Amino acid sequence: MDSNVYPGGMTLTVSKLAARVGLTADTIRYYERTGLLPPPHRTESGYRAYEDDAVERLRFIKGAQRIGLRLQEIKELLDIRDRGLCPCGHTEDLLRRRVSEIDAEITGLQETKADLLVFTKRFNAIECPEGVEPWPCAEEFIAAADGDRREVSRLGRN
């Protein structure tokens, strides 16, 4: 469809593009600033005028985020795709790396949960003695802040 306003065919303003893909206009501008979305053509009055291919690109970004990829990783895939190459091999590598990172995060969260349960058992019914400082829970938090996981583990045996 040709237009007098947009030579070469119909284009989308940033707000219409945002509505079509379910993002905010600010998010689209951010993606443009970070290189995830190439700068669009500008109208004579300076408005962004996106082509229809921006819709597919933004859906690609949203889908990749939804399965757990970070924006920098998505940018790598888009850069490969923009060079006319198939990004699937690199995608597999990125996904395997993310799975490993998530496994490490899960392990860390399990350790944190165990620490919290230890503290919960230790301090759930203890009343702080009047006039005595530092308080028992404060001492344990300070030990934990210093990275002394042995102290937290020792508490579980008391």
N, C-alpha and C. Protein backbone atom coordinates (compact mmCIF):
# COMPACT_ATOMS: atom_id res chain seq x y z
N MET A 1 0.84 -1.16 0.00
CA MET A 1 0.00 0.00 0.00
C MET A 1 0.89 1.23 0.00
N ASP A 2 0.72 2.11 -0.96
CA ASP A 2 1.52 3.32 -1.04
C ASP A 2 0.88 4.43 -0.22
N SER A 3 1.71 5.36 0.20
CA SER A 3 1.23 6.46 1.02
C SER A 3 1.97 7.72 0.62
N ASN A 4 1.30 8.86 0.67
CA ASN A 4 1.96 10.13 0.41
C ASN A 4 2.86 10.52 1.57
N VAL A 5 2.50 10.05 2.77
CA VAL A 5 3.27 10.40 3.96
C VAL A 5 4.52 9.54 4.07
N TYR A 6 4.38 8.23 3.78
CA TYR A 6 5.49 7.31 3.91
C TYR A 6 5.81 6.71 2.56
N PRO A 7 6.81 7.26 1.90
CA PRO A 7 7.15 6.74 0.58
C PRO A 7 7.54 5.26 0.66
N GLY A 8 7.11 4.49 -0.31
CA GLY A 8 7.49 3.08 -0.39
C GLY A 8 6.49 2.15 0.28
N GLY A 9 5.51 2.68 0.97
CA GLY A 9 4.52 1.79 1.59
C GLY A 9 4.16 2.23 2.99
N MET A 10 3.26 1.48 3.59
CA MET A 10 2.76 1.80 4.91
C MET A 10 3.80 1.44 5.97
N THR A 11 3.95 2.28 6.95
CA THR A 11 4.85 2.03 8.06
C THR A 11 4.10 2.22 9.36
N LEU A 12 4.76 1.87 10.44
CA LEU A 12 4.16 1.95 11.76
C LEU A 12 4.88 2.98 12.62
N THR A 13 4.10 3.76 13.35
CA THR A 13 4.71 4.64 14.35
C THR A 13 5.16 3.78 15.51
N VAL A 14 5.95 4.33 16.40
CA VAL A 14 6.43 3.56 17.54
C VAL A 14 5.27 3.11 18.41
N SER A 15 4.26 3.92 18.58
CA SER A 15 3.13 3.52 19.42
C SER A 15 2.30 2.42 18.77
N LYS A 16 2.13 2.48 17.45
CA LYS A 16 1.38 1.42 16.77
C LYS A 16 2.17 0.11 16.76
N LEU A 17 3.46 0.21 16.57
CA LEU A 17 4.31 -0.98 16.63
C LEU A 17 4.25 -1.58 18.02
N ALA A 18 4.34 -0.75 19.03
CA ALA A 18 4.29 -1.22 20.42
C ALA A 18 2.98 -1.95 20.69
N ALA A 19 1.88 -1.37 20.25
CA ALA A 19 0.57 -2.00 20.46
C ALA A 19 0.48 -3.33 19.72
N ARG A 20 1.03 -3.40 18.54
CA ARG A 20 0.93 -4.63 17.74
C ARG A 20 1.70 -5.79 18.38
N VAL A 21 2.82 -5.50 19.02
CA VAL A 21 3.65 -6.59 19.57
C VAL A 21 3.52 -6.72 21.09
N GLY A 22 2.76 -5.84 21.73
CA GLY A 22 2.56 -5.95 23.16
C GLY A 22 3.72 -5.47 24.00
N LEU A 23 4.40 -4.44 23.53
CA LEU A 23 5.48 -3.82 24.28
C LEU A 23 5.14 -2.34 24.49
N THR A 24 5.95 -1.68 25.28
CA THR A 24 5.76 -0.23 25.42
C THR A 24 6.63 0.48 24.39
N ALA A 25 6.27 1.69 24.08
CA ALA A 25 7.07 2.50 23.16
C ALA A 25 8.47 2.72 23.74
N ASP A 26 8.55 2.89 25.05
CA ASP A 26 9.86 3.06 25.68
C ASP A 26 10.75 1.83 25.49
N THR A 27 10.15 0.65 25.56
CA THR A 27 10.92 -0.57 25.35
C THR A 27 11.46 -0.62 23.93
N ILE A 28 10.64 -0.26 22.98
CA ILE A 28 11.08 -0.26 21.58
C ILE A 28 12.21 0.75 21.38
N ARG A 29 12.09 1.92 21.98
CA ARG A 29 13.17 2.92 21.88
C ARG A 29 14.45 2.40 22.53
N TYR A 30 14.30 1.71 23.64
CA TYR A 30 15.46 1.11 24.32
C TYR A 30 16.12 0.07 23.41
N TYR A 31 15.33 -0.79 22.82
CA TYR A 31 15.87 -1.79 21.91
C TYR A 31 16.61 -1.14 20.75
N GLU A 32 16.10 -0.02 20.30
CA GLU A 32 16.78 0.72 19.23
C GLU A 32 18.12 1.26 19.72
N ARG A 33 18.13 1.85 20.92
CA ARG A 33 19.37 2.41 21.47
C ARG A 33 20.44 1.34 21.68
N THR A 34 20.01 0.14 22.06
CA THR A 34 20.98 -0.93 22.35
C THR A 34 21.36 -1.76 21.14
N GLY A 35 20.75 -1.47 19.99
CA GLY A 35 21.11 -2.16 18.76
C GLY A 35 20.32 -3.43 18.49
N LEU A 36 19.35 -3.75 19.33
CA LEU A 36 18.51 -4.92 19.06
C LEU A 36 17.58 -4.65 17.88
N LEU A 37 17.19 -3.42 17.72
CA LEU A 37 16.30 -3.00 16.64
C LEU A 37 17.02 -1.91 15.85
N PRO A 38 17.19 -2.09 14.56
CA PRO A 38 17.89 -1.06 13.79
C PRO A 38 17.11 0.26 13.80
N PRO A 39 17.82 1.37 13.70
CA PRO A 39 17.11 2.66 13.67
C PRO A 39 16.16 2.71 12.47
N PRO A 40 14.94 3.13 12.72
CA PRO A 40 13.97 3.18 11.62
C PRO A 40 14.15 4.44 10.78
N HIS A 41 13.48 4.43 9.66
CA HIS A 41 13.39 5.63 8.84
C HIS A 41 12.68 6.70 9.67
N ARG A 42 13.02 7.94 9.46
CA ARG A 42 12.34 9.05 10.15
C ARG A 42 11.53 9.84 9.14
N THR A 43 10.35 10.26 9.56
CA THR A 43 9.54 11.11 8.70
C THR A 43 10.15 12.51 8.67
N GLU A 44 9.63 13.35 7.81
CA GLU A 44 10.13 14.73 7.75
C GLU A 44 9.98 15.44 9.08
N SER A 45 8.95 15.06 9.82
CA SER A 45 8.74 15.70 11.12
C SER A 45 9.50 14.99 12.24
N GLY A 46 10.30 13.98 11.92
CA GLY A 46 11.16 13.32 12.89
C GLY A 46 10.57 12.10 13.58
N TYR A 47 9.36 11.70 13.21
CA TYR A 47 8.76 10.53 13.82
C TYR A 47 9.40 9.26 13.29
N ARG A 48 9.51 8.26 14.16
CA ARG A 48 10.00 6.96 13.73
C ARG A 48 8.95 6.31 12.84
N ALA A 49 9.40 5.69 11.76
CA ALA A 49 8.50 5.01 10.82
C ALA A 49 9.04 3.61 10.58
N TYR A 50 8.50 2.63 11.33
CA TYR A 50 8.97 1.25 11.27
C TYR A 50 8.29 0.48 10.14
N GLU A 51 9.07 -0.39 9.51
CA GLU A 51 8.54 -1.28 8.48
C GLU A 51 7.95 -2.51 9.18
N ASP A 52 7.19 -3.29 8.43
CA ASP A 52 6.55 -4.48 8.99
C ASP A 52 7.55 -5.50 9.53
N ASP A 53 8.78 -5.54 8.99
CA ASP A 53 9.74 -6.52 9.48
C ASP A 53 10.14 -6.28 10.94
N ALA A 54 9.90 -5.07 11.46
CA ALA A 54 10.18 -4.79 12.86
C ALA A 54 9.27 -5.62 13.77
N VAL A 55 8.07 -5.91 13.30
CA VAL A 55 7.13 -6.72 14.09
C VAL A 55 7.73 -8.11 14.32
N GLU A 56 8.19 -8.75 13.27
CA GLU A 56 8.78 -10.08 13.39
C GLU A 56 10.01 -10.05 14.29
N ARG A 57 10.85 -9.05 14.13
CA ARG A 57 12.06 -8.93 14.93
C ARG A 57 11.72 -8.79 16.42
N LEU A 58 10.74 -7.97 16.71
CA LEU A 58 10.35 -7.78 18.11
C LEU A 58 9.71 -9.05 18.68
N ARG A 59 8.97 -9.77 17.88
CA ARG A 59 8.41 -11.04 18.35
C ARG A 59 9.52 -12.06 18.61
N PHE A 60 10.54 -12.04 17.77
CA PHE A 60 11.71 -12.89 17.99
C PHE A 60 12.34 -12.57 19.34
N ILE A 61 12.54 -11.28 19.60
CA ILE A 61 13.15 -10.84 20.86
C ILE A 61 12.30 -11.29 22.05
N LYS A 62 11.00 -11.04 21.97
CA LYS A 62 10.11 -11.43 23.07
C LYS A 62 10.14 -12.94 23.30
N GLY A 63 10.11 -13.71 22.23
CA GLY A 63 10.13 -15.16 22.36
C GLY A 63 11.43 -15.67 22.97
N ALA A 64 12.54 -15.10 22.54
CA ALA A 64 13.85 -15.50 23.08
C ALA A 64 13.96 -15.13 24.56
N GLN A 65 13.41 -13.98 24.92
CA GLN A 65 13.40 -13.59 26.34
C GLN A 65 12.53 -14.55 27.14
N ARG A 66 11.39 -14.89 26.59
CA ARG A 66 10.45 -15.76 27.30
C ARG A 66 11.07 -17.12 27.63
N ILE A 67 11.95 -17.62 26.77
CA ILE A 67 12.58 -18.90 27.08
C ILE A 67 13.85 -18.75 27.90
N GLY A 68 14.20 -17.52 28.27
CA GLY A 68 15.29 -17.33 29.22
C GLY A 68 16.56 -16.70 28.71
N LEU A 69 16.59 -16.29 27.44
CA LEU A 69 17.81 -15.65 26.96
C LEU A 69 17.84 -14.18 27.40
N ARG A 70 19.03 -13.70 27.62
CA ARG A 70 19.24 -12.30 27.98
C ARG A 70 19.36 -11.47 26.71
N LEU A 71 19.15 -10.16 26.87
CA LEU A 71 19.17 -9.28 25.70
C LEU A 71 20.50 -9.33 24.95
N GLN A 72 21.62 -9.43 25.67
CA GLN A 72 22.91 -9.49 24.99
C GLN A 72 23.02 -10.76 24.15
N GLU A 73 22.50 -11.85 24.67
CA GLU A 73 22.52 -13.11 23.91
C GLU A 73 21.61 -13.03 22.69
N ILE A 74 20.47 -12.40 22.88
CA ILE A 74 19.54 -12.21 21.76
C ILE A 74 20.19 -11.35 20.69
N LYS A 75 20.92 -10.32 21.11
CA LYS A 75 21.62 -9.45 20.15
C LYS A 75 22.63 -10.25 19.34
N GLU A 76 23.33 -11.17 19.98
CA GLU A 76 24.28 -12.03 19.25
C GLU A 76 23.57 -12.80 18.14
N LEU A 77 22.43 -13.37 18.48
CA LEU A 77 21.67 -14.14 17.49
C LEU A 77 21.17 -13.25 16.36
N LEU A 78 20.70 -12.07 16.71
CA LEU A 78 20.21 -11.14 15.68
C LEU A 78 21.34 -10.67 14.78
N ASP A 79 22.52 -10.45 15.35
CA ASP A 79 23.68 -10.04 14.54
C ASP A 79 24.03 -11.13 13.52
N ILE A 80 23.98 -12.38 13.96
CA ILE A 80 24.25 -13.49 13.03
C ILE A 80 23.19 -13.52 11.94
N ARG A 81 21.95 -13.41 12.36
CA ARG A 81 20.82 -13.42 11.42
C ARG A 81 20.91 -12.25 10.43
N ASP A 82 21.32 -11.08 10.92
CA ASP A 82 21.43 -9.89 10.07
C ASP A 82 22.52 -10.05 9.01
N ARG A 83 23.49 -10.92 9.28
CA ARG A 83 24.54 -11.18 8.29
C ARG A 83 24.10 -12.22 7.27
N GLY A 84 22.85 -12.68 7.40
CA GLY A 84 22.32 -13.65 6.46
C GLY A 84 22.68 -15.09 6.78
N LEU A 85 23.17 -15.31 8.00
CA LEU A 85 23.57 -16.65 8.41
C LEU A 85 22.50 -17.26 9.31
N CYS A 86 22.49 -18.56 9.40
CA CYS A 86 21.55 -19.27 10.27
C CYS A 86 22.10 -19.24 11.70
N PRO A 87 21.34 -18.71 12.64
CA PRO A 87 21.82 -18.62 14.02
C PRO A 87 21.56 -19.86 14.86
N CYS A 88 21.03 -20.93 14.27
CA CYS A 88 20.59 -22.08 15.06
C CYS A 88 21.73 -22.77 15.82
N GLY A 89 22.89 -22.92 15.22
CA GLY A 89 24.02 -23.55 15.91
C GLY A 89 24.45 -22.73 17.11
N HIS A 90 24.54 -21.43 16.93
CA HIS A 90 24.90 -20.55 18.04
C HIS A 90 23.80 -20.55 19.09
N THR A 91 22.56 -20.66 18.65
CA THR A 91 21.42 -20.71 19.57
C THR A 91 21.57 -21.90 20.51
N GLU A 92 21.92 -23.06 19.95
CA GLU A 92 22.09 -24.25 20.78
C GLU A 92 23.15 -24.01 21.85
N ASP A 93 24.29 -23.41 21.45
CA ASP A 93 25.36 -23.12 22.41
C ASP A 93 24.87 -22.18 23.51
N LEU A 94 24.16 -21.12 23.12
CA LEU A 94 23.64 -20.17 24.11
C LEU A 94 22.66 -20.84 25.07
N LEU A 95 21.79 -21.67 24.53
CA LEU A 95 20.80 -22.33 25.37
C LEU A 95 21.46 -23.29 26.35
N ARG A 96 22.47 -24.02 25.89
CA ARG A 96 23.18 -24.94 26.80
C ARG A 96 23.89 -24.16 27.91
N ARG A 97 24.49 -23.01 27.56
CA ARG A 97 25.13 -22.17 28.57
C ARG A 97 24.13 -21.65 29.59
N ARG A 98 22.96 -21.21 29.09
CA ARG A 98 21.92 -20.70 30.00
C ARG A 98 21.42 -21.79 30.93
N VAL A 99 21.28 -23.01 30.41
CA VAL A 99 20.85 -24.12 31.27
C VAL A 99 21.88 -24.33 32.39
N SER A 100 23.17 -24.27 32.06
CA SER A 100 24.21 -24.42 33.08
C SER A 100 24.15 -23.29 34.10
N GLU A 101 23.95 -22.06 33.62
CA GLU A 101 23.84 -20.92 34.53
C GLU A 101 22.63 -21.08 35.45
N ILE A 102 21.52 -21.52 34.90
CA ILE A 102 20.30 -21.71 35.70
C ILE A 102 20.52 -22.81 36.72
N ASP A 103 21.20 -23.90 36.34
CA ASP A 103 21.52 -24.95 37.29
C ASP A 103 22.33 -24.40 38.47
N ALA A 104 23.31 -23.54 38.17
CA ALA A 104 24.12 -22.93 39.23
C ALA A 104 23.27 -22.00 40.10
N GLU A 105 22.36 -21.26 39.48
CA GLU A 105 21.47 -20.39 40.24
C GLU A 105 20.56 -21.21 41.15
N ILE A 106 20.06 -22.33 40.65
CA ILE A 106 19.19 -23.20 41.46
C ILE A 106 19.97 -23.74 42.65
N THR A 107 21.21 -24.17 42.42
CA THR A 107 22.05 -24.66 43.52
C THR A 107 22.24 -23.56 44.56
N GLY A 108 22.52 -22.35 44.11
CA GLY A 108 22.69 -21.24 45.04
C GLY A 108 21.42 -20.94 45.82
N LEU A 109 20.29 -21.00 45.14
CA LEU A 109 19.01 -20.76 45.81
C LEU A 109 18.70 -21.86 46.82
N GLN A 110 19.06 -23.10 46.49
CA GLN A 110 18.84 -24.20 47.43
C GLN A 110 19.70 -24.01 48.69
N GLU A 111 20.94 -23.54 48.51
CA GLU A 111 21.81 -23.27 49.66
C GLU A 111 21.24 -22.13 50.50
N THR A 112 20.75 -21.08 49.83
CA THR A 112 20.15 -19.97 50.55
C THR A 112 18.91 -20.42 51.31
N LYS A 113 18.10 -21.25 50.70
CA LYS A 113 16.90 -21.77 51.37
C LYS A 113 17.30 -22.57 52.60
N ALA A 114 18.31 -23.42 52.48
CA ALA A 114 18.77 -24.20 53.63
C ALA A 114 19.24 -23.28 54.75
N ASP A 115 19.98 -22.23 54.40
CA ASP A 115 20.43 -21.26 55.41
C ASP A 115 19.24 -20.59 56.09
N LEU A 116 18.25 -20.19 55.30
CA LEU A 116 17.07 -19.55 55.88
C LEU A 116 16.34 -20.48 56.82
N LEU A 117 16.24 -21.74 56.45
CA LEU A 117 15.57 -22.71 57.32
C LEU A 117 16.33 -22.90 58.63
N VAL A 118 17.65 -22.88 58.54
CA VAL A 118 18.47 -22.97 59.76
C VAL A 118 18.18 -21.78 60.67
N PHE A 119 18.20 -20.59 60.10
CA PHE A 119 17.92 -19.39 60.89
C PHE A 119 16.50 -19.42 61.45
N THR A 120 15.55 -19.89 60.67
CA THR A 120 14.17 -19.97 61.13
C THR A 120 14.05 -20.87 62.35
N LYS A 121 14.69 -22.03 62.31
CA LYS A 121 14.65 -22.96 63.45
C LYS A 121 15.36 -22.37 64.67
N ARG A 122 16.43 -21.69 64.43
CA ARG A 122 17.26 -21.15 65.52
C ARG A 122 16.59 -19.98 66.22
N PHE A 123 15.92 -19.13 65.49
CA PHE A 123 15.46 -17.88 66.07
C PHE A 123 13.95 -17.73 66.14
N ASN A 124 13.19 -18.73 65.82
CA ASN A 124 11.75 -18.53 65.78
C ASN A 124 11.13 -18.31 67.16
N ALA A 125 11.70 -18.89 68.21
CA ALA A 125 11.09 -18.75 69.53
C ALA A 125 12.02 -18.09 70.54
N ILE A 126 13.19 -17.73 70.14
CA ILE A 126 14.14 -17.13 71.07
C ILE A 126 13.77 -15.68 71.29
N GLU A 127 13.70 -15.31 72.55
CA GLU A 127 13.49 -13.90 72.87
C GLU A 127 14.85 -13.29 73.11
N CYS A 128 15.00 -12.07 72.69
CA CYS A 128 16.27 -11.38 72.93
C CYS A 128 16.36 -11.03 74.42
N PRO A 129 17.46 -11.39 75.04
CA PRO A 129 17.62 -11.03 76.45
C PRO A 129 17.71 -9.51 76.60
N GLU A 130 17.05 -8.99 77.63
CA GLU A 130 17.06 -7.53 77.84
C GLU A 130 18.45 -7.07 78.21
N GLY A 131 18.85 -5.94 77.60
CA GLY A 131 20.11 -5.31 77.93
C GLY A 131 21.34 -6.03 77.40
N VAL A 132 21.14 -7.08 76.64
CA VAL A 132 22.29 -7.82 76.11
C VAL A 132 22.42 -7.50 74.63
N GLU A 133 23.58 -6.99 74.30
CA GLU A 133 23.89 -6.74 72.89
C GLU A 133 25.27 -7.27 72.61
N PRO A 134 25.60 -7.71 71.44
CA PRO A 134 24.71 -7.81 70.30
C PRO A 134 23.72 -8.96 70.48
N TRP A 135 22.60 -8.82 69.85
CA TRP A 135 21.55 -9.84 69.91
C TRP A 135 22.02 -11.08 69.17
N PRO A 136 21.55 -12.24 69.59
CA PRO A 136 22.01 -13.49 68.95
C PRO A 136 21.77 -13.50 67.44
N CYS A 137 20.60 -13.04 66.99
CA CYS A 137 20.34 -13.07 65.55
C CYS A 137 21.27 -12.09 64.82
N ALA A 138 21.56 -10.97 65.45
CA ALA A 138 22.45 -10.00 64.82
C ALA A 138 23.84 -10.58 64.64
N GLU A 139 24.33 -11.30 65.65
CA GLU A 139 25.65 -11.92 65.54
C GLU A 139 25.70 -12.91 64.38
N GLU A 140 24.63 -13.67 64.23
CA GLU A 140 24.59 -14.66 63.16
C GLU A 140 24.50 -14.02 61.79
N PHE A 141 23.74 -12.93 61.68
CA PHE A 141 23.67 -12.23 60.39
C PHE A 141 25.02 -11.62 60.04
N ILE A 142 25.72 -11.11 61.04
CA ILE A 142 27.04 -10.54 60.79
C ILE A 142 28.00 -11.63 60.32
N ALA A 143 27.93 -12.79 60.96
CA ALA A 143 28.78 -13.91 60.53
C ALA A 143 28.45 -14.30 59.10
N ALA A 144 27.15 -14.33 58.78
CA ALA A 144 26.74 -14.68 57.41
C ALA A 144 27.22 -13.63 56.41
N ALA A 145 27.19 -12.36 56.82
CA ALA A 145 27.64 -11.28 55.92
C ALA A 145 29.12 -11.40 55.60
N ASP A 146 29.87 -11.93 56.54
CA ASP A 146 31.30 -12.12 56.32
C ASP A 146 31.58 -13.36 55.49
N GLY A 147 30.51 -14.04 55.06
CA GLY A 147 30.68 -15.20 54.19
C GLY A 147 31.01 -16.46 54.94
N ASP A 148 30.77 -16.47 56.23
CA ASP A 148 31.11 -17.64 57.02
C ASP A 148 29.96 -18.63 56.99
N ARG A 149 29.86 -19.42 55.93
CA ARG A 149 28.80 -20.42 55.79
C ARG A 149 28.95 -21.50 56.85
N ARG A 150 30.18 -21.71 57.34
CA ARG A 150 30.37 -22.71 58.39
C ARG A 150 29.57 -22.32 59.62
N GLU A 151 29.51 -21.01 59.91
CA GLU A 151 28.75 -20.54 61.08
C GLU A 151 27.27 -20.85 60.90
N VAL A 152 26.77 -20.64 59.73
CA VAL A 152 25.36 -20.93 59.47
C VAL A 152 25.14 -22.44 59.59
N SER A 153 26.02 -23.24 59.04
CA SER A 153 25.89 -24.69 59.12
C SER A 153 25.96 -25.16 60.57
N ARG A 154 26.84 -24.57 61.38
CA ARG A 154 26.97 -24.93 62.78
C ARG A 154 25.67 -24.69 63.51
N LEU A 155 24.97 -23.63 63.16
CA LEU A 155 23.70 -23.31 63.82
C LEU A 155 22.68 -24.43 63.66
N GLY A 156 22.71 -25.09 62.54
CA GLY A 156 21.75 -26.15 62.28
C GLY A 156 21.95 -27.34 63.20
N ARG A 157 23.11 -27.47 63.81
CA ARG A 157 23.38 -28.60 64.70
C ARG A 157 23.04 -28.29 66.13
N ASN A 158 22.79 -27.01 66.46
CA ASN A 158 22.46 -26.63 67.85
C ASN A 158 21.05 -26.99 68.21
